[in-house]
N, C-alpha and C. Protein backbone atom coordinates (compact mmCIF):
# COMPACT_ATOMS: atom_id res chain seq x y z
N MET A 1 -14.69 -57.27 -17.68
CA MET A 1 -15.62 -57.69 -18.68
C MET A 1 -17.00 -57.24 -18.23
N ASP A 2 -17.60 -56.40 -18.99
CA ASP A 2 -18.90 -55.85 -18.64
C ASP A 2 -19.98 -56.60 -19.41
N VAL A 3 -20.71 -57.47 -18.73
CA VAL A 3 -21.77 -58.25 -19.38
C VAL A 3 -23.15 -57.77 -18.94
N ARG A 4 -23.20 -56.56 -18.39
CA ARG A 4 -24.49 -56.00 -18.00
C ARG A 4 -25.39 -55.87 -19.23
N GLY A 5 -26.65 -56.17 -19.06
CA GLY A 5 -27.61 -56.05 -20.15
C GLY A 5 -27.57 -57.20 -21.14
N ASN A 6 -26.73 -58.21 -20.92
CA ASN A 6 -26.61 -59.33 -21.85
C ASN A 6 -27.68 -60.36 -21.53
N GLY A 7 -28.71 -60.42 -22.35
CA GLY A 7 -29.83 -61.32 -22.13
C GLY A 7 -29.59 -62.75 -22.55
N GLY A 8 -28.41 -63.05 -23.06
CA GLY A 8 -28.10 -64.42 -23.45
C GLY A 8 -27.97 -64.57 -24.95
N GLY A 9 -28.04 -65.79 -25.40
CA GLY A 9 -27.86 -66.08 -26.82
C GLY A 9 -27.26 -67.45 -26.99
N TYR A 10 -26.13 -67.51 -27.64
CA TYR A 10 -25.47 -68.78 -27.97
C TYR A 10 -24.30 -69.00 -27.03
N THR A 11 -24.34 -70.08 -26.27
CA THR A 11 -23.31 -70.37 -25.28
C THR A 11 -21.92 -70.49 -25.90
N GLY A 12 -21.82 -70.97 -27.13
CA GLY A 12 -20.53 -71.13 -27.78
C GLY A 12 -19.86 -69.81 -28.14
N SER A 13 -20.57 -68.70 -28.01
CA SER A 13 -20.01 -67.41 -28.44
C SER A 13 -18.82 -66.96 -27.60
N TYR A 14 -18.68 -67.44 -26.39
CA TYR A 14 -17.56 -67.01 -25.54
C TYR A 14 -16.48 -68.10 -25.41
N GLU A 15 -16.59 -69.13 -26.21
CA GLU A 15 -15.69 -70.28 -26.13
C GLU A 15 -14.21 -69.91 -26.26
N SER A 16 -13.88 -68.94 -27.11
CA SER A 16 -12.47 -68.57 -27.30
C SER A 16 -11.93 -67.71 -26.16
N LEU A 17 -12.81 -67.19 -25.34
CA LEU A 17 -12.42 -66.31 -24.23
C LEU A 17 -12.06 -67.08 -22.97
N THR A 18 -12.76 -68.14 -22.68
CA THR A 18 -12.60 -68.82 -21.40
C THR A 18 -11.22 -69.43 -21.15
N PRO A 19 -10.46 -69.84 -22.17
CA PRO A 19 -9.10 -70.32 -21.85
C PRO A 19 -8.23 -69.24 -21.19
N LEU A 20 -8.48 -67.99 -21.49
CA LEU A 20 -7.71 -66.90 -20.87
C LEU A 20 -8.03 -66.73 -19.40
N LEU A 21 -9.22 -67.17 -18.98
CA LEU A 21 -9.65 -67.03 -17.59
C LEU A 21 -9.28 -68.24 -16.74
N TYR A 22 -8.95 -69.34 -17.37
CA TYR A 22 -8.76 -70.62 -16.69
C TYR A 22 -7.63 -70.59 -15.67
N THR A 23 -7.90 -71.15 -14.47
CA THR A 23 -6.85 -71.35 -13.47
C THR A 23 -6.89 -72.75 -12.88
N ASN A 24 -8.05 -73.37 -12.83
CA ASN A 24 -8.20 -74.69 -12.23
C ASN A 24 -9.38 -75.41 -12.89
N PRO A 25 -9.54 -76.72 -12.65
CA PRO A 25 -10.61 -77.46 -13.32
C PRO A 25 -11.97 -76.77 -13.19
N VAL A 26 -12.73 -76.81 -14.30
CA VAL A 26 -14.03 -76.15 -14.37
C VAL A 26 -15.11 -77.23 -14.41
N HIS A 27 -16.05 -77.14 -13.48
CA HIS A 27 -17.13 -78.13 -13.37
C HIS A 27 -18.37 -77.61 -14.09
N PHE A 28 -18.99 -78.49 -14.88
CA PHE A 28 -20.24 -78.17 -15.59
C PHE A 28 -21.29 -79.20 -15.24
N ASN A 29 -22.48 -78.73 -14.89
CA ASN A 29 -23.60 -79.64 -14.69
C ASN A 29 -24.17 -80.01 -16.06
N GLY A 30 -24.61 -81.25 -16.18
CA GLY A 30 -25.17 -81.73 -17.44
C GLY A 30 -26.54 -81.12 -17.73
N VAL A 31 -27.03 -81.41 -18.93
CA VAL A 31 -28.31 -80.89 -19.40
C VAL A 31 -29.11 -82.05 -19.99
N ASP A 32 -30.41 -82.06 -19.68
CA ASP A 32 -31.32 -83.07 -20.20
C ASP A 32 -32.39 -82.41 -21.06
N VAL A 33 -32.90 -83.16 -22.05
CA VAL A 33 -33.94 -82.67 -22.97
C VAL A 33 -35.13 -83.62 -22.92
N ARG A 34 -36.31 -83.04 -22.90
CA ARG A 34 -37.55 -83.84 -22.94
C ARG A 34 -37.70 -84.43 -24.34
N ALA A 35 -37.86 -85.74 -24.44
CA ALA A 35 -37.95 -86.43 -25.73
C ALA A 35 -39.39 -86.48 -26.23
N SER A 36 -40.00 -85.32 -26.37
CA SER A 36 -41.37 -85.26 -26.90
C SER A 36 -41.32 -85.26 -28.43
N ALA A 37 -42.42 -85.58 -29.06
CA ALA A 37 -42.49 -85.59 -30.53
C ALA A 37 -42.20 -84.20 -31.09
N ALA A 38 -42.72 -83.15 -30.44
CA ALA A 38 -42.48 -81.78 -30.91
C ALA A 38 -41.02 -81.38 -30.77
N ASN A 39 -40.39 -81.80 -29.67
CA ASN A 39 -38.97 -81.47 -29.50
C ASN A 39 -38.10 -82.24 -30.50
N ILE A 40 -38.46 -83.48 -30.78
CA ILE A 40 -37.72 -84.25 -31.78
C ILE A 40 -37.81 -83.55 -33.13
N ALA A 41 -39.00 -83.11 -33.51
CA ALA A 41 -39.16 -82.38 -34.78
C ALA A 41 -38.33 -81.10 -34.79
N HIS A 42 -38.31 -80.39 -33.67
CA HIS A 42 -37.52 -79.15 -33.55
C HIS A 42 -36.04 -79.43 -33.77
N TYR A 43 -35.52 -80.44 -33.11
CA TYR A 43 -34.10 -80.75 -33.23
C TYR A 43 -33.76 -81.30 -34.62
N ARG A 44 -34.68 -82.00 -35.26
CA ARG A 44 -34.45 -82.45 -36.64
C ARG A 44 -34.29 -81.24 -37.56
N THR A 45 -35.17 -80.23 -37.37
CA THR A 45 -35.08 -79.00 -38.17
C THR A 45 -33.75 -78.30 -37.92
N MET A 46 -33.31 -78.29 -36.66
CA MET A 46 -32.05 -77.66 -36.31
C MET A 46 -30.87 -78.34 -37.02
N VAL A 47 -30.88 -79.67 -37.05
CA VAL A 47 -29.81 -80.41 -37.71
C VAL A 47 -29.82 -80.14 -39.22
N ALA A 48 -30.98 -79.99 -39.79
CA ALA A 48 -31.10 -79.75 -41.24
C ALA A 48 -30.65 -78.34 -41.63
N SER A 49 -30.63 -77.43 -40.67
CA SER A 49 -30.21 -76.05 -40.98
C SER A 49 -28.68 -75.96 -41.02
N SER A 50 -28.19 -74.84 -41.47
CA SER A 50 -26.73 -74.62 -41.50
C SER A 50 -26.28 -73.83 -40.28
N PHE A 51 -27.16 -73.66 -39.30
CA PHE A 51 -26.88 -72.86 -38.11
C PHE A 51 -25.84 -73.50 -37.20
N LEU A 52 -25.85 -74.81 -37.07
CA LEU A 52 -25.01 -75.50 -36.09
C LEU A 52 -23.56 -75.61 -36.55
N SER A 53 -22.64 -75.48 -35.59
CA SER A 53 -21.24 -75.76 -35.87
C SER A 53 -21.10 -77.27 -36.04
N ALA A 54 -19.98 -77.72 -36.56
CA ALA A 54 -19.75 -79.17 -36.74
C ALA A 54 -19.84 -79.88 -35.40
N LYS A 55 -19.23 -79.30 -34.38
CA LYS A 55 -19.24 -79.89 -33.03
C LYS A 55 -20.67 -80.00 -32.50
N ASP A 56 -21.45 -78.92 -32.63
CA ASP A 56 -22.83 -78.94 -32.15
C ASP A 56 -23.69 -79.89 -32.97
N GLY A 57 -23.41 -80.01 -34.26
CA GLY A 57 -24.14 -80.94 -35.12
C GLY A 57 -23.99 -82.37 -34.63
N VAL A 58 -22.77 -82.75 -34.27
CA VAL A 58 -22.52 -84.10 -33.74
C VAL A 58 -23.30 -84.30 -32.44
N LEU A 59 -23.28 -83.29 -31.57
CA LEU A 59 -23.98 -83.36 -30.29
C LEU A 59 -25.49 -83.52 -30.49
N ILE A 60 -26.07 -82.73 -31.38
CA ILE A 60 -27.52 -82.77 -31.59
C ILE A 60 -27.95 -84.06 -32.30
N ARG A 61 -27.14 -84.54 -33.25
CA ARG A 61 -27.49 -85.81 -33.90
C ARG A 61 -27.49 -86.96 -32.89
N ALA A 62 -26.52 -86.96 -31.98
CA ALA A 62 -26.49 -88.00 -30.94
C ALA A 62 -27.70 -87.87 -30.01
N LEU A 63 -28.07 -86.63 -29.68
CA LEU A 63 -29.26 -86.39 -28.87
C LEU A 63 -30.50 -86.93 -29.57
N LEU A 64 -30.65 -86.61 -30.86
CA LEU A 64 -31.81 -87.08 -31.62
C LEU A 64 -31.92 -88.60 -31.59
N SER A 65 -30.80 -89.27 -31.72
CA SER A 65 -30.80 -90.73 -31.68
C SER A 65 -31.34 -91.23 -30.34
N ARG A 66 -30.89 -90.62 -29.24
CA ARG A 66 -31.38 -91.01 -27.90
C ARG A 66 -32.86 -90.68 -27.75
N MET A 67 -33.27 -89.51 -28.24
CA MET A 67 -34.67 -89.10 -28.13
C MET A 67 -35.59 -90.05 -28.89
N GLU A 68 -35.18 -90.43 -30.09
CA GLU A 68 -36.01 -91.32 -30.92
C GLU A 68 -36.12 -92.72 -30.32
N ARG A 69 -35.10 -93.15 -29.58
CA ARG A 69 -35.15 -94.48 -28.92
C ARG A 69 -35.96 -94.44 -27.62
N HIS A 70 -36.09 -93.27 -27.01
CA HIS A 70 -36.74 -93.16 -25.70
C HIS A 70 -37.73 -92.00 -25.70
N VAL A 71 -38.75 -92.06 -26.52
CA VAL A 71 -39.73 -90.97 -26.62
C VAL A 71 -40.51 -90.86 -25.31
N GLY A 72 -40.60 -89.65 -24.79
CA GLY A 72 -41.37 -89.38 -23.57
C GLY A 72 -40.56 -88.80 -22.44
N PRO A 73 -39.59 -89.53 -21.89
CA PRO A 73 -38.86 -89.01 -20.73
C PRO A 73 -37.77 -88.01 -21.14
N PHE A 74 -37.09 -87.49 -20.14
CA PHE A 74 -35.91 -86.66 -20.40
C PHE A 74 -34.75 -87.57 -20.77
N VAL A 75 -33.94 -87.14 -21.73
CA VAL A 75 -32.72 -87.86 -22.11
C VAL A 75 -31.55 -86.88 -22.01
N GLU A 76 -30.36 -87.42 -21.89
CA GLU A 76 -29.18 -86.59 -21.69
C GLU A 76 -28.74 -85.88 -22.97
N LEU A 77 -28.61 -84.56 -22.88
CA LEU A 77 -27.99 -83.78 -23.95
C LEU A 77 -26.49 -83.73 -23.71
N THR A 78 -26.08 -83.35 -22.50
CA THR A 78 -24.67 -83.32 -22.14
C THR A 78 -24.50 -83.90 -20.74
N PRO A 79 -23.41 -84.62 -20.50
CA PRO A 79 -23.17 -85.19 -19.17
C PRO A 79 -22.55 -84.14 -18.24
N ASP A 80 -22.55 -84.43 -16.95
CA ASP A 80 -21.77 -83.62 -16.02
C ASP A 80 -20.31 -83.80 -16.44
N THR A 81 -19.58 -82.70 -16.52
CA THR A 81 -18.19 -82.78 -16.98
C THR A 81 -17.28 -81.88 -16.16
N VAL A 82 -15.99 -82.17 -16.26
CA VAL A 82 -14.95 -81.34 -15.67
C VAL A 82 -13.94 -81.07 -16.78
N ILE A 83 -13.64 -79.79 -17.02
CA ILE A 83 -12.66 -79.41 -18.04
C ILE A 83 -11.33 -79.12 -17.35
N ARG A 84 -10.29 -79.79 -17.83
CA ARG A 84 -8.93 -79.53 -17.34
C ARG A 84 -8.10 -79.08 -18.54
N ARG A 85 -7.49 -77.93 -18.42
CA ARG A 85 -6.65 -77.40 -19.50
C ARG A 85 -5.19 -77.54 -19.13
N ASP A 86 -4.32 -77.61 -20.14
CA ASP A 86 -2.89 -77.74 -19.92
C ASP A 86 -2.22 -76.43 -19.57
N THR A 87 -2.86 -75.31 -19.93
CA THR A 87 -2.20 -74.01 -19.79
C THR A 87 -3.00 -73.06 -18.91
N VAL A 88 -2.30 -72.40 -18.00
CA VAL A 88 -2.85 -71.28 -17.25
C VAL A 88 -2.05 -70.06 -17.70
N PHE A 89 -2.71 -69.16 -18.40
CA PHE A 89 -2.03 -67.98 -18.93
C PHE A 89 -1.74 -66.98 -17.82
N PRO A 90 -0.53 -66.39 -17.82
CA PRO A 90 -0.20 -65.41 -16.78
C PRO A 90 -0.99 -64.10 -16.92
N MET A 91 -1.42 -63.81 -18.12
CA MET A 91 -2.20 -62.60 -18.37
C MET A 91 -3.52 -63.00 -19.00
N PRO A 92 -4.60 -62.42 -18.63
CA PRO A 92 -4.69 -61.38 -17.61
C PRO A 92 -4.51 -61.97 -16.22
N GLN A 93 -3.96 -61.16 -15.31
CA GLN A 93 -3.72 -61.66 -13.96
C GLN A 93 -4.96 -61.57 -13.07
N ALA A 94 -5.85 -60.61 -13.38
CA ALA A 94 -7.11 -60.49 -12.64
C ALA A 94 -8.17 -59.98 -13.60
N VAL A 95 -9.37 -60.52 -13.44
CA VAL A 95 -10.48 -60.16 -14.32
C VAL A 95 -11.70 -59.84 -13.47
N ALA A 96 -12.30 -58.71 -13.75
CA ALA A 96 -13.56 -58.36 -13.12
C ALA A 96 -14.67 -58.64 -14.13
N VAL A 97 -15.67 -59.38 -13.72
CA VAL A 97 -16.85 -59.61 -14.55
C VAL A 97 -17.99 -58.84 -13.88
N VAL A 98 -18.54 -57.87 -14.62
CA VAL A 98 -19.57 -56.99 -14.07
C VAL A 98 -20.93 -57.44 -14.59
N VAL A 99 -21.85 -57.75 -13.64
CA VAL A 99 -23.17 -58.26 -13.99
C VAL A 99 -24.27 -57.33 -13.47
N ASP A 100 -25.46 -57.57 -13.98
CA ASP A 100 -26.65 -56.89 -13.47
C ASP A 100 -27.83 -57.83 -13.60
N SER A 101 -29.01 -57.34 -13.29
CA SER A 101 -30.20 -58.19 -13.30
C SER A 101 -30.66 -58.56 -14.71
N GLU A 102 -30.03 -58.01 -15.74
CA GLU A 102 -30.37 -58.37 -17.11
C GLU A 102 -29.44 -59.43 -17.70
N CYS A 103 -28.42 -59.82 -16.96
CA CYS A 103 -27.51 -60.89 -17.37
C CYS A 103 -28.28 -62.20 -17.21
N ALA A 104 -28.61 -62.85 -18.33
CA ALA A 104 -29.51 -64.00 -18.28
C ALA A 104 -29.05 -65.12 -19.21
N SER A 105 -29.55 -66.32 -18.94
CA SER A 105 -29.43 -67.46 -19.83
C SER A 105 -27.97 -67.78 -20.15
N SER A 106 -27.55 -67.66 -21.40
CA SER A 106 -26.17 -67.98 -21.78
C SER A 106 -25.17 -67.05 -21.11
N CYS A 107 -25.58 -65.84 -20.79
CA CYS A 107 -24.71 -64.94 -20.03
C CYS A 107 -24.44 -65.56 -18.65
N GLU A 108 -25.46 -66.16 -18.06
CA GLU A 108 -25.28 -66.82 -16.77
C GLU A 108 -24.42 -68.08 -16.92
N ASP A 109 -24.50 -68.76 -18.06
CA ASP A 109 -23.59 -69.89 -18.31
C ASP A 109 -22.14 -69.40 -18.26
N PHE A 110 -21.90 -68.27 -18.90
CA PHE A 110 -20.55 -67.69 -18.88
C PHE A 110 -20.13 -67.36 -17.46
N VAL A 111 -21.00 -66.73 -16.69
CA VAL A 111 -20.69 -66.34 -15.32
C VAL A 111 -20.41 -67.58 -14.47
N LEU A 112 -21.23 -68.63 -14.63
CA LEU A 112 -21.01 -69.87 -13.88
C LEU A 112 -19.63 -70.45 -14.16
N GLU A 113 -19.19 -70.37 -15.41
CA GLU A 113 -17.86 -70.88 -15.76
C GLU A 113 -16.77 -69.94 -15.27
N ALA A 114 -16.92 -68.66 -15.54
CA ALA A 114 -15.87 -67.69 -15.22
C ALA A 114 -15.59 -67.60 -13.72
N ARG A 115 -16.63 -67.67 -12.92
CA ARG A 115 -16.42 -67.49 -11.48
C ARG A 115 -15.69 -68.66 -10.82
N GLN A 116 -15.47 -69.74 -11.56
CA GLN A 116 -14.69 -70.85 -11.03
C GLN A 116 -13.19 -70.59 -11.13
N SER A 117 -12.80 -69.52 -11.78
CA SER A 117 -11.39 -69.16 -11.92
C SER A 117 -10.96 -68.27 -10.75
N SER A 118 -9.78 -68.52 -10.23
CA SER A 118 -9.26 -67.68 -9.15
C SER A 118 -8.85 -66.30 -9.67
N LYS A 119 -8.76 -66.12 -10.97
CA LYS A 119 -8.47 -64.81 -11.57
C LYS A 119 -9.69 -63.90 -11.59
N VAL A 120 -10.88 -64.48 -11.50
CA VAL A 120 -12.11 -63.75 -11.77
C VAL A 120 -12.82 -63.35 -10.47
N THR A 121 -13.26 -62.10 -10.44
CA THR A 121 -14.14 -61.62 -9.38
C THR A 121 -15.42 -61.13 -10.03
N LEU A 122 -16.53 -61.57 -9.50
CA LEU A 122 -17.85 -61.17 -10.00
C LEU A 122 -18.32 -59.95 -9.20
N LEU A 123 -18.57 -58.85 -9.92
CA LEU A 123 -19.04 -57.61 -9.29
C LEU A 123 -20.37 -57.21 -9.87
N GLY A 124 -21.22 -56.56 -9.06
CA GLY A 124 -22.49 -56.10 -9.58
C GLY A 124 -23.32 -55.38 -8.55
N VAL A 125 -24.29 -54.63 -9.04
CA VAL A 125 -25.25 -53.94 -8.18
C VAL A 125 -26.30 -54.94 -7.71
N SER A 126 -26.56 -55.97 -8.53
CA SER A 126 -27.61 -56.92 -8.22
C SER A 126 -27.22 -58.32 -8.68
N HIS A 127 -28.05 -59.28 -8.32
CA HIS A 127 -27.90 -60.65 -8.81
C HIS A 127 -28.14 -60.65 -10.33
N THR A 128 -27.74 -61.73 -10.97
CA THR A 128 -28.10 -61.92 -12.38
C THR A 128 -29.59 -62.23 -12.45
N ALA A 129 -30.12 -62.37 -13.66
CA ALA A 129 -31.57 -62.50 -13.86
C ALA A 129 -32.17 -63.79 -13.31
N GLY A 130 -31.39 -64.85 -13.26
CA GLY A 130 -31.95 -66.13 -12.81
C GLY A 130 -32.81 -66.76 -13.89
N VAL A 131 -32.26 -66.85 -15.11
CA VAL A 131 -32.97 -67.44 -16.24
C VAL A 131 -32.00 -68.44 -16.88
N HIS A 132 -31.72 -69.50 -16.15
CA HIS A 132 -30.67 -70.41 -16.59
C HIS A 132 -31.10 -71.88 -16.59
N ASP A 133 -31.94 -72.26 -15.67
CA ASP A 133 -32.21 -73.68 -15.44
C ASP A 133 -32.88 -74.39 -16.60
N TYR A 134 -33.63 -73.65 -17.40
CA TYR A 134 -34.33 -74.23 -18.55
C TYR A 134 -33.90 -73.48 -19.79
N GLY A 135 -33.61 -74.20 -20.88
CA GLY A 135 -33.09 -73.51 -22.06
C GLY A 135 -33.39 -74.24 -23.35
N GLU A 136 -32.53 -73.99 -24.34
CA GLU A 136 -32.72 -74.54 -25.69
C GLU A 136 -34.16 -74.25 -26.12
N VAL A 137 -34.48 -72.97 -26.16
CA VAL A 137 -35.85 -72.51 -26.39
C VAL A 137 -36.28 -72.70 -27.84
N ARG A 138 -37.55 -73.08 -28.02
CA ARG A 138 -38.13 -73.15 -29.35
C ARG A 138 -39.45 -72.38 -29.35
N GLY A 139 -39.76 -71.78 -30.47
CA GLY A 139 -40.99 -71.00 -30.59
C GLY A 139 -42.17 -71.89 -30.95
N VAL A 140 -43.32 -71.58 -30.41
CA VAL A 140 -44.56 -72.31 -30.69
C VAL A 140 -45.65 -71.29 -30.97
N TRP A 141 -46.33 -71.46 -32.11
CA TRP A 141 -47.46 -70.58 -32.44
C TRP A 141 -48.72 -71.13 -31.81
N LEU A 142 -49.43 -70.28 -31.08
CA LEU A 142 -50.71 -70.65 -30.51
C LEU A 142 -51.79 -70.29 -31.52
N PRO A 143 -52.99 -70.84 -31.38
CA PRO A 143 -54.06 -70.45 -32.30
C PRO A 143 -54.23 -68.93 -32.31
N GLY A 144 -54.37 -68.37 -33.50
CA GLY A 144 -54.44 -66.92 -33.61
C GLY A 144 -53.06 -66.37 -33.92
N TRP A 145 -52.74 -65.25 -33.35
CA TRP A 145 -51.48 -64.59 -33.70
C TRP A 145 -50.41 -64.70 -32.62
N ARG A 146 -50.67 -65.35 -31.51
CA ARG A 146 -49.72 -65.38 -30.40
C ARG A 146 -48.67 -66.48 -30.57
N ARG A 147 -47.45 -66.11 -30.20
CA ARG A 147 -46.33 -67.05 -30.24
C ARG A 147 -45.68 -67.06 -28.87
N ILE A 148 -45.35 -68.24 -28.38
CA ILE A 148 -44.65 -68.34 -27.11
C ILE A 148 -43.32 -69.06 -27.33
N ALA A 149 -42.41 -68.86 -26.43
CA ALA A 149 -41.13 -69.56 -26.46
C ALA A 149 -41.10 -70.50 -25.26
N ILE A 150 -40.82 -71.77 -25.54
CA ILE A 150 -40.79 -72.75 -24.46
C ILE A 150 -39.43 -73.45 -24.46
N PRO A 151 -38.95 -73.78 -23.26
CA PRO A 151 -37.67 -74.48 -23.18
C PRO A 151 -37.83 -75.95 -23.52
N THR A 152 -36.79 -76.53 -24.06
CA THR A 152 -36.79 -77.96 -24.34
C THR A 152 -35.85 -78.70 -23.40
N SER A 153 -35.00 -77.97 -22.67
CA SER A 153 -34.01 -78.63 -21.83
C SER A 153 -34.03 -78.07 -20.41
N ARG A 154 -33.42 -78.84 -19.51
CA ARG A 154 -33.23 -78.37 -18.13
C ARG A 154 -31.83 -78.75 -17.67
N ALA A 155 -31.20 -77.82 -16.98
CA ALA A 155 -29.86 -78.06 -16.44
C ALA A 155 -29.97 -78.86 -15.16
N ARG A 156 -28.99 -79.69 -14.91
CA ARG A 156 -28.90 -80.39 -13.63
C ARG A 156 -28.16 -79.49 -12.64
N GLY A 157 -28.21 -79.83 -11.40
CA GLY A 157 -27.47 -79.07 -10.40
C GLY A 157 -28.32 -78.05 -9.67
N PRO A 158 -27.66 -77.18 -8.89
CA PRO A 158 -28.40 -76.18 -8.09
C PRO A 158 -29.24 -75.28 -8.98
N ARG A 159 -30.41 -74.91 -8.50
CA ARG A 159 -31.33 -74.05 -9.24
C ARG A 159 -31.02 -72.59 -8.99
N ILE A 160 -31.00 -71.80 -10.10
CA ILE A 160 -30.82 -70.36 -9.94
C ILE A 160 -31.98 -69.56 -10.54
N ASP A 161 -32.93 -70.24 -11.19
CA ASP A 161 -34.07 -69.51 -11.76
C ASP A 161 -34.79 -68.73 -10.66
N ASN A 162 -35.16 -67.50 -11.00
CA ASN A 162 -35.83 -66.58 -10.09
C ASN A 162 -34.99 -66.17 -8.88
N VAL A 163 -33.71 -66.56 -8.87
CA VAL A 163 -32.80 -66.20 -7.78
C VAL A 163 -31.59 -65.46 -8.36
N GLY A 164 -30.99 -66.04 -9.38
CA GLY A 164 -29.81 -65.45 -10.00
C GLY A 164 -28.53 -65.81 -9.28
N LEU A 165 -27.44 -65.25 -9.77
CA LEU A 165 -26.12 -65.45 -9.20
C LEU A 165 -25.71 -64.16 -8.51
N ALA A 166 -25.31 -64.28 -7.26
CA ALA A 166 -24.93 -63.09 -6.49
C ALA A 166 -23.51 -62.67 -6.82
N PRO A 167 -23.26 -61.37 -6.97
CA PRO A 167 -21.89 -60.92 -7.16
C PRO A 167 -21.08 -61.13 -5.88
N ALA A 168 -19.79 -61.44 -6.03
CA ALA A 168 -18.91 -61.58 -4.87
C ALA A 168 -18.64 -60.22 -4.24
N VAL A 169 -18.62 -59.18 -5.08
CA VAL A 169 -18.41 -57.81 -4.61
C VAL A 169 -19.60 -56.97 -5.04
N GLN A 170 -20.26 -56.40 -4.07
CA GLN A 170 -21.44 -55.57 -4.33
C GLN A 170 -21.00 -54.15 -4.71
N ILE A 171 -21.46 -53.68 -5.86
CA ILE A 171 -21.24 -52.29 -6.26
C ILE A 171 -22.36 -51.48 -5.61
N PRO A 172 -22.03 -50.46 -4.84
CA PRO A 172 -23.08 -49.68 -4.17
C PRO A 172 -24.06 -49.10 -5.19
N LYS A 173 -25.36 -49.18 -4.87
CA LYS A 173 -26.38 -48.66 -5.78
C LYS A 173 -26.20 -47.17 -6.05
N ALA A 174 -25.62 -46.45 -5.09
CA ALA A 174 -25.42 -45.01 -5.24
C ALA A 174 -24.18 -44.68 -6.08
N GLU A 175 -23.41 -45.70 -6.45
CA GLU A 175 -22.18 -45.47 -7.24
C GLU A 175 -22.57 -44.89 -8.59
N PRO A 176 -22.05 -43.70 -8.94
CA PRO A 176 -22.46 -43.07 -10.20
C PRO A 176 -21.94 -43.79 -11.45
N GLU A 177 -20.79 -44.43 -11.35
CA GLU A 177 -20.22 -45.10 -12.52
C GLU A 177 -19.60 -46.42 -12.11
N ALA A 178 -20.26 -47.51 -12.47
CA ALA A 178 -19.80 -48.85 -12.07
C ALA A 178 -18.40 -49.15 -12.59
N THR A 179 -18.07 -48.71 -13.78
CA THR A 179 -16.74 -49.03 -14.34
C THR A 179 -15.62 -48.38 -13.52
N GLU A 180 -15.85 -47.21 -12.97
CA GLU A 180 -14.84 -46.58 -12.12
C GLU A 180 -14.67 -47.35 -10.82
N PHE A 181 -15.78 -47.81 -10.26
CA PHE A 181 -15.73 -48.63 -9.05
C PHE A 181 -14.91 -49.90 -9.33
N VAL A 182 -15.17 -50.54 -10.48
CA VAL A 182 -14.47 -51.78 -10.84
C VAL A 182 -12.99 -51.51 -11.07
N ARG A 183 -12.66 -50.44 -11.75
CA ARG A 183 -11.26 -50.08 -11.99
C ARG A 183 -10.53 -49.89 -10.65
N HIS A 184 -11.17 -49.16 -9.74
CA HIS A 184 -10.58 -48.95 -8.41
C HIS A 184 -10.39 -50.29 -7.70
N TYR A 185 -11.39 -51.16 -7.79
CA TYR A 185 -11.31 -52.47 -7.16
C TYR A 185 -10.11 -53.25 -7.71
N LEU A 186 -9.97 -53.30 -9.03
CA LEU A 186 -8.88 -54.07 -9.64
C LEU A 186 -7.51 -53.53 -9.24
N TYR A 187 -7.34 -52.22 -9.24
CA TYR A 187 -6.03 -51.64 -8.96
C TYR A 187 -5.70 -51.59 -7.47
N SER A 188 -6.68 -51.39 -6.62
CA SER A 188 -6.35 -51.25 -5.20
C SER A 188 -6.60 -52.52 -4.40
N VAL A 189 -7.73 -53.16 -4.60
CA VAL A 189 -8.07 -54.34 -3.80
C VAL A 189 -7.46 -55.61 -4.39
N ALA A 190 -7.61 -55.82 -5.69
CA ALA A 190 -7.12 -57.05 -6.32
C ALA A 190 -5.62 -56.99 -6.61
N GLY A 191 -5.01 -55.81 -6.50
CA GLY A 191 -3.56 -55.69 -6.67
C GLY A 191 -3.07 -55.77 -8.09
N VAL A 192 -3.90 -55.40 -9.06
CA VAL A 192 -3.46 -55.38 -10.45
C VAL A 192 -2.50 -54.23 -10.64
N HIS A 193 -1.41 -54.50 -11.33
CA HIS A 193 -0.41 -53.44 -11.60
C HIS A 193 -0.75 -52.74 -12.89
N ARG A 194 -0.59 -51.42 -12.88
CA ARG A 194 -0.89 -50.64 -14.09
C ARG A 194 0.18 -50.82 -15.14
C-alpha cells in the first residue's frame, strides 16, 4: 500500500480496508476537543450539514452535548479504545505500507492502526510528516483576506508532531524505485509467495 504523498483527509475513508490487515487487538488513543464558543458553533454547523455519516453524526451530537454543559475546558470526543475483531483473514498474508514525509494527519492515523498488525511492515525513505496530534481543523477568517486553519482537537498518547512515525524498514535514499525495493522485500525477506 503506497500512501506516499497522502496529506490526510477523512479518517473514515480507510475503514473498509483495516479488517483485512487485522491480526490482533488494535489500541487507539482517545481524542479531546476544546469546548470554546467558536468550536461549539463549528460543530453545530457540521451536524446541520449532510457531510457526516450517521455514525459520525451520533458522535458529534454527543460531543456537542458535553461541550455545551462544560464550556471552556477540553471534553472527550472519543475514549481510549481497543478493537477486537472475530476474524483474521488469511489473505493478504503480508502487507507493505510505504510512507514518506508527506504522509500526514489522517494518513498517520491509518499508519498508527496498520502497524499494529503482524501482517504489516512500514517501509519508507523518511519518517511521516508528524502532523497528527492536533486535528479536526476548522477555517477562521482573519481581518482582511487571510484565512487560517486551526485544530479543535488533540489526541491523547505519545506525541508525534514534528517527529513523525519511523518506518520499520528504511528504503535507501539512493534506491531508484521504491516499489521495486518493496516488492523485493515482500518476496525475499517477508516470505510472500508469488
